Amino acid sequence: MKTGMKSGIKAVCVAVALIGACACTPAIAAPAVAKNDTATQQTDKTPVTPVTTAKPGDADDGVVSINMASAETLAQVMNGVGLKKAQSIVSYREEYGPFKALEQLQEVPGIGRALVERNLSHIKL
């Protein structure tokens, strides 16, 4: 009788697993469609303004403020500057205050004249 009971329990478990798998499949396969009531109520005369989440110093048109930008932004925009050098720029700025000239970047350890010249079109104060 124990063997029959174990087989019955296994059969129930398999059946529950199959039912669960079948029930979940349509939810996974079907893409979620979100309806935005505000967007559907707007008329063609009302222009939709995109929401921007730019922070001060973030790159606009590929130019970034060396006095305001985060290390991540500096690393993304500047040629030849990875996250480590970008963090050095931010640390230098925090220790000595804002840069007064773009060429002052050469005072940051690891940043040389050639690197500054290569990035003059990508940076501003």
PDB file of N, CA and C in Angstrom:
ATOM      1  N   MET A   1       0.809  -1.188   0.000  1.00  0.00           N
ATOM      2  CA  MET A   1       0.000   0.000   0.000  1.00  0.00           C
ATOM      3  C   MET A   1       0.855   1.256   0.000  1.00  0.00           C
ATOM      4  N   LYS A   2       2.021   1.211   0.628  1.00  0.00           N
ATOM      5  CA  LYS A   2       2.898   2.364   0.634  1.00  0.00           C
ATOM      6  C   LYS A   2       3.352   2.718  -0.780  1.00  0.00           C
ATOM      7  N   THR A   3       3.662   1.715  -1.575  1.00  0.00           N
ATOM      8  CA  THR A   3       4.113   1.943  -2.934  1.00  0.00           C
ATOM      9  C   THR A   3       3.022   2.619  -3.758  1.00  0.00           C
ATOM     10  N   GLY A   4       1.791   2.186  -3.592  1.00  0.00           N
ATOM     11  CA  GLY A   4       0.668   2.775  -4.319  1.00  0.00           C
ATOM     12  C   GLY A   4       0.448   4.226  -3.907  1.00  0.00           C
ATOM     13  N   MET A   5       0.638   4.507  -2.615  1.00  0.00           N
ATOM     14  CA  MET A   5       0.440   5.861  -2.123  1.00  0.00           C
ATOM     15  C   MET A   5       1.518   6.794  -2.664  1.00  0.00           C
ATOM     16  N   LYS A   6       2.769   6.299  -2.699  1.00  0.00           N
ATOM     17  CA  LYS A   6       3.867   7.109  -3.231  1.00  0.00           C
ATOM     18  C   LYS A   6       3.642   7.419  -4.697  1.00  0.00           C
ATOM     19  N   SER A   7       3.174   6.449  -5.448  1.00  0.00           N
ATOM     20  CA  SER A   7       2.892   6.662  -6.868  1.00  0.00           C
ATOM     21  C   SER A   7       1.781   7.683  -7.041  1.00  0.00           C
ATOM     22  N   GLY A   8       0.774   7.623  -6.184  1.00  0.00           N
ATOM     23  CA  GLY A   8      -0.331   8.579  -6.251  1.00  0.00           C
ATOM     24  C   GLY A   8       0.130   9.991  -5.944  1.00  0.00           C
ATOM     25  N   ILE A   9       0.997  10.127  -4.937  1.00  0.00           N
ATOM     26  CA  ILE A   9       1.530  11.448  -4.567  1.00  0.00           C
ATOM     27  C   ILE A   9       2.386  12.000  -5.699  1.00  0.00           C
ATOM     28  N   LYS A  10       3.208  11.137  -6.280  1.00  0.00           N
ATOM     29  CA  LYS A  10       4.039  11.572  -7.405  1.00  0.00           C
ATOM     30  C   LYS A  10       3.172  12.033  -8.568  1.00  0.00           C
ATOM     31  N   ALA A  11       2.111  11.296  -8.832  1.00  0.00           N
ATOM     32  CA  ALA A  11       1.215  11.650  -9.930  1.00  0.00           C
ATOM     33  C   ALA A  11       0.553  12.997  -9.676  1.00  0.00           C
ATOM     34  N   VAL A  12       0.137  13.239  -8.453  1.00  0.00           N
ATOM     35  CA  VAL A  12      -0.485  14.529  -8.104  1.00  0.00           C
ATOM     36  C   VAL A  12       0.527  15.657  -8.260  1.00  0.00           C
ATOM     37  N   CYS A  13       1.769  15.439  -7.796  1.00  0.00           N
ATOM     38  CA  CYS A  13       2.813  16.463  -7.913  1.00  0.00           C
ATOM     39  C   CYS A  13       3.104  16.798  -9.373  1.00  0.00           C
ATOM     40  N   VAL A  14       3.189  15.766 -10.194  1.00  0.00           N
ATOM     41  CA  VAL A  14       3.444  15.982 -11.624  1.00  0.00           C
ATOM     42  C   VAL A  14       2.281  16.744 -12.243  1.00  0.00           C
ATOM     43  N   ALA A  15       1.071  16.382 -11.895  1.00  0.00           N
ATOM     44  CA  ALA A  15      -0.107  17.060 -12.442  1.00  0.00           C
ATOM     45  C   ALA A  15      -0.129  18.522 -12.034  1.00  0.00           C
ATOM     46  N   VAL A  16       0.166  18.810 -10.767  1.00  0.00           N
ATOM     47  CA  VAL A  16       0.193  20.200 -10.286  1.00  0.00           C
ATOM     48  C   VAL A  16       1.286  20.986 -11.005  1.00  0.00           C
ATOM     49  N   ALA A  17       2.445  20.380 -11.194  1.00  0.00           N
ATOM     50  CA  ALA A  17       3.543  21.051 -11.889  1.00  0.00           C
ATOM     51  C   ALA A  17       3.159  21.369 -13.329  1.00  0.00           C
ATOM     52  N   LEU A  18       2.524  20.426 -14.007  1.00  0.00           N
ATOM     53  CA  LEU A  18       2.104  20.651 -15.397  1.00  0.00           C
ATOM     54  C   LEU A  18       1.043  21.736 -15.488  1.00  0.00           C
ATOM     55  N   ILE A  19       0.094  21.719 -14.588  1.00  0.00           N
ATOM     56  CA  ILE A  19      -0.952  22.739 -14.585  1.00  0.00           C
ATOM     57  C   ILE A  19      -0.337  24.111 -14.326  1.00  0.00           C
ATOM     58  N   GLY A  20       0.579  24.170 -13.382  1.00  0.00           N
ATOM     59  CA  GLY A  20       1.249  25.442 -13.081  1.00  0.00           C
ATOM     60  C   GLY A  20       2.058  25.940 -14.261  1.00  0.00           C
ATOM     61  N   ALA A  21       2.754  25.048 -14.934  1.00  0.00           N
ATOM     62  CA  ALA A  21       3.551  25.442 -16.094  1.00  0.00           C
ATOM     63  C   ALA A  21       2.668  25.934 -17.221  1.00  0.00           C
ATOM     64  N   CYS A  22       1.554  25.269 -17.440  1.00  0.00           N
ATOM     65  CA  CYS A  22       0.632  25.685 -18.506  1.00  0.00           C
ATOM     66  C   CYS A  22      -0.023  27.021 -18.184  1.00  0.00           C
ATOM     67  N   ALA A  23      -0.316  27.249 -16.928  1.00  0.00           N
ATOM     68  CA  ALA A  23      -0.967  28.496 -16.534  1.00  0.00           C
ATOM     69  C   ALA A  23      -0.016  29.679 -16.634  1.00  0.00           C
ATOM     70  N   CYS A  24       1.262  29.457 -16.396  1.00  0.00           N
ATOM     71  CA  CYS A  24       2.241  30.545 -16.422  1.00  0.00           C
ATOM     72  C   CYS A  24       2.713  30.881 -17.824  1.00  0.00           C
ATOM     73  N   THR A  25       2.681  29.947 -18.735  1.00  0.00           N
ATOM     74  CA  THR A  25       3.213  30.156 -20.074  1.00  0.00           C
ATOM     75  C   THR A  25       2.555  31.322 -20.801  1.00  0.00           C
ATOM     76  N   PRO A  26       1.235  31.458 -20.819  1.00  0.00           N
ATOM     77  CA  PRO A  26       0.648  32.599 -21.519  1.00  0.00           C
ATOM     78  C   PRO A  26       1.071  33.937 -20.917  1.00  0.00           C
ATOM     79  N   ALA A  27       1.265  33.992 -19.621  1.00  0.00           N
ATOM     80  CA  ALA A  27       1.675  35.233 -18.980  1.00  0.00           C
ATOM     81  C   ALA A  27       3.091  35.606 -19.381  1.00  0.00           C
ATOM     82  N   ILE A  28       3.936  34.621 -19.556  1.00  0.00           N
ATOM     83  CA  ILE A  28       5.315  34.888 -19.953  1.00  0.00           C
ATOM     84  C   ILE A  28       5.379  35.240 -21.430  1.00  0.00           C
ATOM     85  N   ALA A  29       4.621  34.565 -22.257  1.00  0.00           N
ATOM     86  CA  ALA A  29       4.697  34.745 -23.693  1.00  0.00           C
ATOM     87  C   ALA A  29       4.042  36.043 -24.150  1.00  0.00           C
ATOM     88  N   ALA A  30       3.005  36.477 -23.487  1.00  0.00           N
ATOM     89  CA  ALA A  30       2.286  37.670 -23.921  1.00  0.00           C
ATOM     90  C   ALA A  30       2.997  38.920 -23.407  1.00  0.00           C
ATOM     91  N   PRO A  31       3.295  39.878 -24.285  1.00  0.00           N
ATOM     92  CA  PRO A  31       3.940  41.109 -23.835  1.00  0.00           C
ATOM     93  C   PRO A  31       2.960  41.949 -23.021  1.00  0.00           C
ATOM     94  N   ALA A  32       3.483  42.607 -22.035  1.00  0.00           N
ATOM     95  CA  ALA A  32       2.646  43.465 -21.201  1.00  0.00           C
ATOM     96  C   ALA A  32       2.368  44.759 -21.954  1.00  0.00           C
ATOM     97  N   VAL A  33       1.127  45.169 -21.949  1.00  0.00           N
ATOM     98  CA  VAL A  33       0.739  46.402 -22.616  1.00  0.00           C
ATOM     99  C   VAL A  33       0.210  47.352 -21.550  1.00  0.00           C
ATOM    100  N   ALA A  34       0.925  48.444 -21.384  1.00  0.00           N
ATOM    101  CA  ALA A  34       0.498  49.429 -20.397  1.00  0.00           C
ATOM    102  C   ALA A  34      -0.242  50.546 -21.110  1.00  0.00           C
ATOM    103  N   LYS A  35      -1.369  50.898 -20.571  1.00  0.00           N
ATOM    104  CA  LYS A  35      -2.136  51.980 -21.162  1.00  0.00           C
ATOM    105  C   LYS A  35      -1.910  53.222 -20.341  1.00  0.00           C
ATOM    106  N   ASN A  36      -1.613  54.289 -21.024  1.00  0.00           N
ATOM    107  CA  ASN A  36      -1.413  55.573 -20.378  1.00  0.00           C
ATOM    108  C   ASN A  36      -2.622  56.429 -20.694  1.00  0.00           C
ATOM    109  N   ASP A  37      -3.524  56.594 -19.735  1.00  0.00           N
ATOM    110  CA  ASP A  37      -4.748  57.342 -19.972  1.00  0.00           C
ATOM    111  C   ASP A  37      -4.465  58.792 -20.332  1.00  0.00           C
ATOM    112  N   THR A  38      -3.419  59.370 -19.767  1.00  0.00           N
ATOM    113  CA  THR A  38      -3.082  60.759 -20.059  1.00  0.00           C
ATOM    114  C   THR A  38      -2.684  60.911 -21.523  1.00  0.00           C
ATOM    115  N   ALA A  39      -1.903  59.972 -22.031  1.00  0.00           N
ATOM    116  CA  ALA A  39      -1.447  60.061 -23.414  1.00  0.00           C
ATOM    117  C   ALA A  39      -2.606  59.892 -24.389  1.00  0.00           C
ATOM    118  N   THR A  40      -3.563  59.042 -24.055  1.00  0.00           N
ATOM    119  CA  THR A  40      -4.674  58.824 -24.969  1.00  0.00           C
ATOM    120  C   THR A  40      -5.663  59.980 -24.944  1.00  0.00           C
ATOM    121  N   GLN A  41      -5.681  60.775 -23.883  1.00  0.00           N
ATOM    122  CA  GLN A  41      -6.590  61.904 -23.786  1.00  0.00           C
ATOM    123  C   GLN A  41      -6.047  63.144 -24.477  1.00  0.00           C
ATOM    124  N   GLN A  42      -4.736  63.204 -24.727  1.00  0.00           N
ATOM    125  CA  GLN A  42      -4.159  64.382 -25.357  1.00  0.00           C
ATOM    126  C   GLN A  42      -4.622  64.491 -26.801  1.00  0.00           C
ATOM    127  N   THR A  43      -4.781  65.729 -27.244  1.00  0.00           N
ATOM    128  CA  THR A  43      -5.144  65.954 -28.638  1.00  0.00           C
ATOM    129  C   THR A  43      -3.875  66.144 -29.443  1.00  0.00           C
ATOM    130  N   ASP A  44      -4.013  66.137 -30.761  1.00  0.00           N
ATOM    131  CA  ASP A  44      -2.860  66.318 -31.633  1.00  0.00           C
ATOM    132  C   ASP A  44      -2.275  67.717 -31.508  1.00  0.00           C
ATOM    133  N   LYS A  45      -3.019  68.674 -30.975  1.00  0.00           N
ATOM    134  CA  LYS A  45      -2.561  70.054 -30.857  1.00  0.00           C
ATOM    135  C   LYS A  45      -1.584  70.237 -29.697  1.00  0.00           C
ATOM    136  N   THR A  46      -1.599  69.332 -28.728  1.00  0.00           N
ATOM    137  CA  THR A  46      -0.744  69.455 -27.565  1.00  0.00           C
ATOM    138  C   THR A  46       0.551  68.687 -27.799  1.00  0.00           C
ATOM    139  N   PRO A  47       1.688  69.402 -27.889  1.00  0.00           N
ATOM    140  CA  PRO A  47       2.954  68.685 -28.077  1.00  0.00           C
ATOM    141  C   PRO A  47       3.363  67.984 -26.782  1.00  0.00           C
ATOM    142  N   VAL A  48       3.964  66.828 -26.929  1.00  0.00           N
ATOM    143  CA  VAL A  48       4.445  66.069 -25.785  1.00  0.00           C
ATOM    144  C   VAL A  48       5.887  66.468 -25.544  1.00  0.00           C
ATOM    145  N   THR A  49       6.183  66.927 -24.333  1.00  0.00           N
ATOM    146  CA  THR A  49       7.529  67.342 -23.981  1.00  0.00           C
ATOM    147  C   THR A  49       8.237  66.178 -23.323  1.00  0.00           C
ATOM    148  N   PRO A  50       9.413  65.789 -23.853  1.00  0.00           N
ATOM    149  CA  PRO A  50      10.127  64.672 -23.238  1.00  0.00           C
ATOM    150  C   PRO A  50      10.658  65.063 -21.866  1.00  0.00           C
ATOM    151  N   VAL A  51      10.674  64.106 -20.957  1.00  0.00           N
ATOM    152  CA  VAL A  51      11.180  64.341 -19.621  1.00  0.00           C
ATOM    153  C   VAL A  51      12.674  64.066 -19.633  1.00  0.00           C
ATOM    154  N   THR A  52      13.451  65.037 -19.150  1.00  0.00           N
ATOM    155  CA  THR A  52      14.897  64.843 -19.083  1.00  0.00           C
ATOM    156  C   THR A  52      15.299  64.672 -17.632  1.00  0.00           C
ATOM    157  N   THR A  53      16.266  63.816 -17.418  1.00  0.00           N
ATOM    158  CA  THR A  53      16.745  63.560 -16.070  1.00  0.00           C
ATOM    159  C   THR A  53      18.217  63.941 -15.952  1.00  0.00           C
ATOM    160  N   ALA A  54      18.647  64.927 -16.730  1.00  0.00           N
ATOM    161  CA  ALA A  54      20.040  65.337 -16.713  1.00  0.00           C
ATOM    162  C   ALA A  54      20.358  66.038 -15.400  1.00  0.00           C
ATOM    163  N   LYS A  55      21.533  65.766 -14.889  1.00  0.00           N
ATOM    164  CA  LYS A  55      22.006  66.410 -13.675  1.00  0.00           C
ATOM    165  C   LYS A  55      23.013  67.473 -14.068  1.00  0.00           C
ATOM    166  N   PRO A  56      23.276  68.456 -13.213  1.00  0.00           N
ATOM    167  CA  PRO A  56      24.269  69.470 -13.547  1.00  0.00           C
ATOM    168  C   PRO A  56      25.602  68.816 -13.870  1.00  0.00           C
ATOM    169  N   GLY A  57      26.219  69.249 -14.947  1.00  0.00           N
ATOM    170  CA  GLY A  57      27.515  68.718 -15.340  1.00  0.00           C
ATOM    171  C   GLY A  57      27.426  67.550 -16.286  1.00  0.00           C
ATOM    172  N   ASP A  58      26.229  67.014 -16.492  1.00  0.00           N
ATOM    173  CA  ASP A  58      26.082  65.913 -17.433  1.00  0.00           C
ATOM    174  C   ASP A  58      26.367  66.402 -18.838  1.00  0.00           C
ATOM    175  N   ALA A  59      26.776  65.485 -19.689  1.00  0.00           N
ATOM    176  CA  ALA A  59      27.144  65.823 -21.057  1.00  0.00           C
ATOM    177  C   ALA A  59      25.928  66.302 -21.828  1.00  0.00           C
ATOM    178  N   ASP A  60      26.076  67.450 -22.472  1.00  0.00           N
ATOM    179  CA  ASP A  60      25.070  67.915 -23.416  1.00  0.00           C
ATOM    180  C   ASP A  60      25.811  68.168 -24.719  1.00  0.00           C
ATOM    181  N   ASP A  61      25.420  67.474 -25.752  1.00  0.00           N
ATOM    182  CA  ASP A  61      26.103  67.531 -27.043  1.00  0.00           C
ATOM    183  C   ASP A  61      27.556  67.087 -26.938  1.00  0.00           C
ATOM    184  N   GLY A  62      27.854  66.165 -26.039  1.00  0.00           N
ATOM    185  CA  GLY A  62      29.197  65.617 -25.932  1.00  0.00           C
ATOM    186  C   GLY A  62      30.165  66.485 -25.171  1.00  0.00           C
ATOM    187  N   VAL A  63      29.696  67.572 -24.540  1.00  0.00           N
ATOM    188  CA  VAL A  63      30.565  68.461 -23.766  1.00  0.00           C
ATOM    189  C   VAL A  63      30.166  68.345 -22.300  1.00  0.00           C
ATOM    190  N   VAL A  64      31.165  68.166 -21.439  1.00  0.00           N
ATOM    191  CA  VAL A  64      30.900  67.949 -20.022  1.00  0.00           C
ATOM    192  C   VAL A  64      31.674  68.963 -19.183  1.00  0.00           C
ATOM    193  N   SER A  65      31.076  69.393 -18.086  1.00  0.00           N
ATOM    194  CA  SER A  65      31.727  70.323 -17.169  1.00  0.00           C
ATOM    195  C   SER A  65      32.648  69.549 -16.229  1.00  0.00           C
ATOM    196  N   ILE A  66      33.922  69.888 -16.259  1.00  0.00           N
ATOM    197  CA  ILE A  66      34.869  69.204 -15.373  1.00  0.00           C
ATOM    198  C   ILE A  66      34.691  69.643 -13.923  1.00  0.00           C
ATOM    199  N   ASN A  67      33.944  70.726 -13.695  1.00  0.00           N
ATOM    200  CA  ASN A  67      33.685  71.197 -12.336  1.00  0.00           C
ATOM    201  C   ASN A  67      32.393  70.638 -11.747  1.00  0.00           C
ATOM    202  N   MET A  68      31.530  70.054 -12.577  1.00  0.00           N
ATOM    203  CA  MET A  68      30.228  69.607 -12.096  1.00  0.00           C
ATOM    204  C   MET A  68      29.965  68.115 -12.324  1.00  0.00           C
ATOM    205  N   ALA A  69      30.553  67.521 -13.320  1.00  0.00           N
ATOM    206  CA  ALA A  69      30.207  66.165 -13.743  1.00  0.00           C
ATOM    207  C   ALA A  69      30.678  65.110 -12.752  1.00  0.00           C
ATOM    208  N   SER A  70      29.939  64.024 -12.729  1.00  0.00           N
ATOM    209  CA  SER A  70      30.328  62.876 -11.917  1.00  0.00           C
ATOM    210  C   SER A  70      31.476  62.140 -12.600  1.00  0.00           C
ATOM    211  N   ALA A  71      32.127  61.290 -11.855  1.00  0.00           N
ATOM    212  CA  ALA A  71      33.225  60.498 -12.417  1.00  0.00           C
ATOM    213  C   ALA A  71      32.726  59.615 -13.550  1.00  0.00           C
ATOM    214  N   GLU A  72      31.526  59.061 -13.405  1.00  0.00           N
ATOM    215  CA  GLU A  72      30.962  58.195 -14.433  1.00  0.00           C
ATOM    216  C   GLU A  72      30.749  58.960 -15.738  1.00  0.00           C
ATOM    217  N   THR A  73      30.236  60.198 -15.633  1.00  0.00           N
ATOM    218  CA  THR A  73      29.995  61.009 -16.822  1.00  0.00           C
ATOM    219  C   THR A  73      31.309  61.402 -17.475  1.00  0.00           C
ATOM    220  N   LEU A  74      32.293  61.800 -16.675  1.00  0.00           N
ATOM    221  CA  LEU A  74      33.606  62.162 -17.232  1.00  0.00           C
ATOM    222  C   LEU A  74      34.204  60.979 -17.985  1.00  0.00           C
ATOM    223  N   ALA A  75      34.105  59.789 -17.420  1.00  0.00           N
ATOM    224  CA  ALA A  75      34.670  58.593 -18.053  1.00  0.00           C
ATOM    225  C   ALA A  75      33.967  58.275 -19.368  1.00  0.00           C
ATOM    226  N   GLN A  76      32.667  58.533 -19.445  1.00  0.00           N
ATOM    227  CA  GLN A  76      31.916  58.248 -20.667  1.00  0.00           C
ATOM    228  C   GLN A  76      32.249  59.222 -21.786  1.00  0.00           C
ATOM    229  N   VAL A  77      32.462  60.478 -21.446  1.00  0.00           N
ATOM    230  CA  VAL A  77      32.600  61.520 -22.467  1.00  0.00           C
ATOM    231  C   VAL A  77      34.047  61.739 -22.894  1.00  0.00           C
ATOM    232  N   MET A  78      34.975  61.642 -21.978  1.00  0.00           N
ATOM    233  CA  MET A  78      36.364  61.984 -22.297  1.00  0.00           C
ATOM    234  C   MET A  78      37.100  60.802 -22.933  1.00  0.00           C
ATOM    235  N   ASN A  79      37.838  61.085 -23.990  1.00  0.00           N
ATOM    236  CA  ASN A  79      38.646  60.075 -24.676  1.00  0.00           C
ATOM    237  C   ASN A  79      39.881  59.759 -23.853  1.00  0.00           C
ATOM    238  N   GLY A  80      40.135  58.480 -23.622  1.00  0.00           N
ATOM    239  CA  GLY A  80      41.320  58.059 -22.902  1.00  0.00           C
ATOM    240  C   GLY A  80      41.204  58.185 -21.393  1.00  0.00           C
ATOM    241  N   VAL A  81      39.991  58.459 -20.904  1.00  0.00           N
ATOM    242  CA  VAL A  81      39.783  58.592 -19.465  1.00  0.00           C
ATOM    243  C   VAL A  81      38.812  57.508 -19.025  1.00  0.00           C
ATOM    244  N   GLY A  82      39.310  56.615 -18.206  1.00  0.00           N
ATOM    245  CA  GLY A  82      38.463  55.581 -17.630  1.00  0.00           C
ATOM    246  C   GLY A  82      37.937  56.041 -16.285  1.00  0.00           C
ATOM    247  N   LEU A  83      37.275  55.154 -15.613  1.00  0.00           N
ATOM    248  CA  LEU A  83      36.656  55.502 -14.335  1.00  0.00           C
ATOM    249  C   LEU A  83      37.701  55.891 -13.290  1.00  0.00           C
ATOM    250  N   LYS A  84      38.848  55.248 -13.293  1.00  0.00           N
ATOM    251  CA  LYS A  84      39.881  55.542 -12.294  1.00  0.00           C
ATOM    252  C   LYS A  84      40.425  56.966 -12.467  1.00  0.00           C
ATOM    253  N   LYS A  85      40.740  57.357 -13.707  1.00  0.00           N
ATOM    254  CA  LYS A  85      41.225  58.721 -13.949  1.00  0.00           C
ATOM    255  C   LYS A  85      40.127  59.742 -13.684  1.00  0.00           C
ATOM    256  N   ALA A  86      38.911  59.394 -14.040  1.00  0.00           N
ATOM    257  CA  ALA A  86      37.785  60.298 -13.798  1.00  0.00           C
ATOM    258  C   ALA A  86      37.587  60.512 -12.300  1.00  0.00           C
ATOM    259  N   GLN A  87      37.747  59.458 -11.513  1.00  0.00           N
ATOM    260  CA  GLN A  87      37.642  59.597 -10.061  1.00  0.00           C
ATOM    261  C   GLN A  87      38.773  60.466  -9.514  1.00  0.00           C
ATOM    262  N   SER A  88      39.940  60.402 -10.154  1.00  0.00           N
ATOM    263  CA  SER A  88      41.054  61.264  -9.751  1.00  0.00           C
ATOM    264  C   SER A  88      40.717  62.732 -10.019  1.00  0.00           C
ATOM    265  N   ILE A  89      40.060  62.993 -11.137  1.00  0.00           N
ATOM    266  CA  ILE A  89      39.649  64.367 -11.470  1.00  0.00           C
ATOM    267  C   ILE A  89      38.671  64.881 -10.415  1.00  0.00           C
ATOM    268  N   VAL A  90      37.689  64.070 -10.059  1.00  0.00           N
ATOM    269  CA  VAL A  90      36.694  64.476  -9.060  1.00  0.00           C
ATOM    270  C   VAL A  90      37.361  64.668  -7.692  1.00  0.00           C
ATOM    271  N   SER A  91      38.264  63.782  -7.310  1.00  0.00           N
ATOM    272  CA  SER A  91      38.958  63.899  -6.023  1.00  0.00           C
ATOM    273  C   SER A  91      39.798  65.174  -5.974  1.00  0.00           C
ATOM    274  N   TYR A  92      40.499  65.472  -7.074  1.00  0.00           N
ATOM    275  CA  TYR A  92      41.308  66.689  -7.150  1.00  0.00           C
ATOM    276  C   TYR A  92      40.409  67.911  -7.001  1.00  0.00           C
ATOM    277  N   ARG A  93      39.289  67.896  -7.693  1.00  0.00           N
ATOM    278  CA  ARG A  93      38.336  69.017  -7.654  1.00  0.00           C
ATOM    279  C   ARG A  93      37.790  69.207  -6.234  1.00  0.00           C
ATOM    280  N   GLU A  94      37.501  68.113  -5.547  1.00  0.00           N
ATOM    281  CA  GLU A  94      36.980  68.199  -4.181  1.00  0.00           C
ATOM    282  C   GLU A  94      38.031  68.703  -3.200  1.00  0.00           C
ATOM    283  N   GLU A  95      39.297  68.360  -3.456  1.00  0.00           N
ATOM    284  CA  GLU A  95      40.371  68.764  -2.549  1.00  0.00           C
ATOM    285  C   GLU A  95      40.818  70.203  -2.779  1.00  0.00           C
ATOM    286  N   TYR A  96      40.942  70.613  -4.046  1.00  0.00           N
ATOM    287  CA  TYR A  96      41.505  71.922  -4.368  1.00  0.00           C
ATOM    288  C   TYR A  96      40.482  72.941  -4.864  1.00  0.00           C
ATOM    289  N   GLY A  97      39.249  72.560  -4.991  1.00  0.00           N
ATOM    290  CA  GLY A  97      38.225  73.480  -5.478  1.00  0.00           C
ATOM    291  C   GLY A  97      38.064  73.360  -6.990  1.00  0.00           C
ATOM    292  N   PRO A  98      37.134  74.150  -7.533  1.00  0.00           N
ATOM    293  CA  PRO A  98      36.851  74.042  -8.967  1.00  0.00           C
ATOM    294  C   PRO A  98      38.044  74.451  -9.835  1.00  0.00           C
ATOM    295  N   PHE A  99      38.093  73.856 -11.007  1.00  0.00           N
ATOM    296  CA  PHE A  99      39.145  74.199 -11.961  1.00  0.00           C
ATOM    297  C   PHE A  99      38.888  75.609 -12.487  1.00  0.00           C
ATOM    298  N   LYS A 100      39.973  76.381 -12.651  1.00  0.00           N
ATOM    299  CA  LYS A 100      39.852  77.739 -13.178  1.00  0.00           C
ATOM    300  C   LYS A 100      40.187  77.804 -14.657  1.00  0.00           C
ATOM    301  N   ALA A 101      40.877  76.780 -15.160  1.00  0.00           N
ATOM    302  CA  ALA A 101      41.226  76.682 -16.577  1.00  0.00           C
ATOM    303  C   ALA A 101      41.251  75.208 -16.953  1.00  0.00           C
ATOM    304  N   LEU A 102      40.915  74.919 -18.204  1.00  0.00           N
ATOM    305  CA  LEU A 102      40.899  73.529 -18.657  1.00  0.00           C
ATOM    306  C   LEU A 102      42.277  72.891 -18.557  1.00  0.00           C
ATOM    307  N   GLU A 103      43.321  73.678 -18.805  1.00  0.00           N
ATOM    308  CA  GLU A 103      44.684  73.167 -18.763  1.00  0.00           C
ATOM    309  C   GLU A 103      45.093  72.736 -17.368  1.00  0.00           C
ATOM    310  N   GLN A 104      44.377  73.218 -16.337  1.00  0.00           N
ATOM    311  CA  GLN A 104      44.668  72.861 -14.955  1.00  0.00           C
ATOM    312  C   GLN A 104      44.456  71.363 -14.713  1.00  0.00           C
ATOM    313  N   LEU A 105      43.754  70.691 -15.614  1.00  0.00           N
ATOM    314  CA  LEU A 105      43.565  69.235 -15.507  1.00  0.00           C
ATOM    315  C   LEU A 105      44.905  68.497 -15.483  1.00  0.00           C
ATOM    316  N   GLN A 106      45.929  69.116 -16.073  1.00  0.00           N
ATOM    317  CA  GLN A 106      47.249  68.474 -16.111  1.00  0.00           C
ATOM    318  C   GLN A 106      47.837  68.299 -14.718  1.00  0.00           C
ATOM    319  N   GLU A 107      47.320  69.009 -13.734  1.00  0.00           N
ATOM    320  CA  GLU A 107      47.793  68.884 -12.362  1.00  0.00           C
ATOM    321  C   GLU A 107      47.264  67.615 -11.695  1.00  0.00           C
ATOM    322  N   VAL A 108      46.253  67.002 -12.290  1.00  0.00           N
ATOM    323  CA  VAL A 108      45.686  65.766 -11.751  1.00  0.00           C
ATOM    324  C   VAL A 108      46.635  64.617 -12.086  1.00  0.00           C
ATOM    325  N   PRO A 109      47.022  63.819 -11.094  1.00  0.00           N
ATOM    326  CA  PRO A 109      47.910  62.684 -11.380  1.00  0.00           C
ATOM    327  C   PRO A 109      47.304  61.757 -12.433  1.00  0.00           C
ATOM    328  N   GLY A 110      48.104  61.441 -13.445  1.00  0.00           N
ATOM    329  CA  GLY A 110      47.656  60.548 -14.509  1.00  0.00           C
ATOM    330  C   GLY A 110      47.079  61.268 -15.715  1.00  0.00           C
ATOM    331  N   ILE A 111      46.921  62.587 -15.633  1.00  0.00           N
ATOM    332  CA  ILE A 111      46.377  63.373 -16.743  1.00  0.00           C
ATOM    333  C   ILE A 111      47.507  64.238 -17.293  1.00  0.00           C
ATOM    334  N   GLY A 112      47.864  63.998 -18.530  1.00  0.00           N
ATOM    335  CA  GLY A 112      48.942  64.752 -19.153  1.00  0.00           C
ATOM    336  C   GLY A 112      48.434  65.760 -20.169  1.00  0.00           C
ATOM    337  N   ARG A 113      49.369  66.534 -20.728  1.00  0.00           N
ATOM    338  CA  ARG A 113      49.045  67.586 -21.703  1.00  0.00           C
ATOM    339  C   ARG A 113      48.322  67.022 -22.919  1.00  0.00           C
ATOM    340  N   ALA A 114      48.819  65.899 -23.445  1.00  0.00           N
ATOM    341  CA  ALA A 114      48.219  65.301 -24.643  1.00  0.00           C
ATOM    342  C   ALA A 114      46.779  64.876 -24.386  1.00  0.00           C
ATOM    343  N   LEU A 115      46.518  64.333 -23.222  1.00  0.00           N
ATOM    344  CA  LEU A 115      45.168  63.898 -22.882  1.00  0.00           C
ATOM    345  C   LEU A 115      44.219  65.099 -22.772  1.00  0.00           C
ATOM    346  N   VAL A 116      44.707  66.184 -22.182  1.00  0.00           N
ATOM    347  CA  VAL A 116      43.886  67.399 -22.075  1.00  0.00           C
ATOM    348  C   VAL A 116      43.605  67.956 -23.466  1.00  0.00           C
ATOM    349  N   GLU A 117      44.639  68.043 -24.312  1.00  0.00           N
ATOM    350  CA  GLU A 117      44.463  68.583 -25.671  1.00  0.00           C
ATOM    351  C   GLU A 117      43.487  67.725 -26.480  1.00  0.00           C
ATOM    352  N   ARG A 118      43.567  66.427 -26.331  1.00  0.00           N
ATOM    353  CA  ARG A 118      42.682  65.517 -27.057  1.00  0.00           C
ATOM    354  C   ARG A 118      41.218  65.709 -26.656  1.00  0.00           C
ATOM    355  N   ASN A 119      40.985  66.201 -25.450  1.00  0.00           N
ATOM    356  CA  ASN A 119      39.627  66.319 -24.926  1.00  0.00           C
ATOM    357  C   ASN A 119      39.101  67.747 -24.863  1.00  0.00           C
ATOM    358  N   LEU A 120      39.820  68.711 -25.391  1.00  0.00           N
ATOM    359  CA  LEU A 120      39.374  70.097 -25.299  1.00  0.00           C
ATOM    360  C   LEU A 120      37.980  70.315 -25.910  1.00  0.00           C
ATOM    361  N   SER A 121      37.650  69.571 -26.936  1.00  0.00           N
ATOM    362  CA  SER A 121      36.323  69.722 -27.556  1.00  0.00           C
ATOM    363  C   SER A 121      35.226  69.011 -26.769  1.00  0.00           C
ATOM    364  N   HIS A 122      35.600  68.234 -25.734  1.00  0.00           N
ATOM    365  CA  HIS A 122      34.628  67.468 -24.951  1.00  0.00           C
ATOM    366  C   HIS A 122      34.409  68.025 -23.550  1.00  0.00           C
ATOM    367  N   ILE A 123      35.225  69.017 -23.144  1.00  0.00           N
ATOM    368  CA  ILE A 123      35.126  69.499 -21.769  1.00  0.00           C
ATOM    369  C   ILE A 123      34.936  71.007 -21.718  1.00  0.00           C
ATOM    370  N   LYS A 124      34.361  71.439 -20.617  1.00  0.00           N
ATOM    371  CA  LYS A 124      34.212  72.864 -20.327  1.00  0.00           C
ATOM    372  C   LYS A 124      34.337  73.027 -18.825  1.00  0.00           C
ATOM    373  N   LEU A 125      34.432  74.296 -18.368  1.00  0.00           N
ATOM    374  CA  LEU A 125      34.536  74.547 -16.920  1.00  0.00           C
ATOM    375  C   LEU A 125      33.221  74.435 -16.232  1.00  0.00           C
TER     376      LEU A 125
END
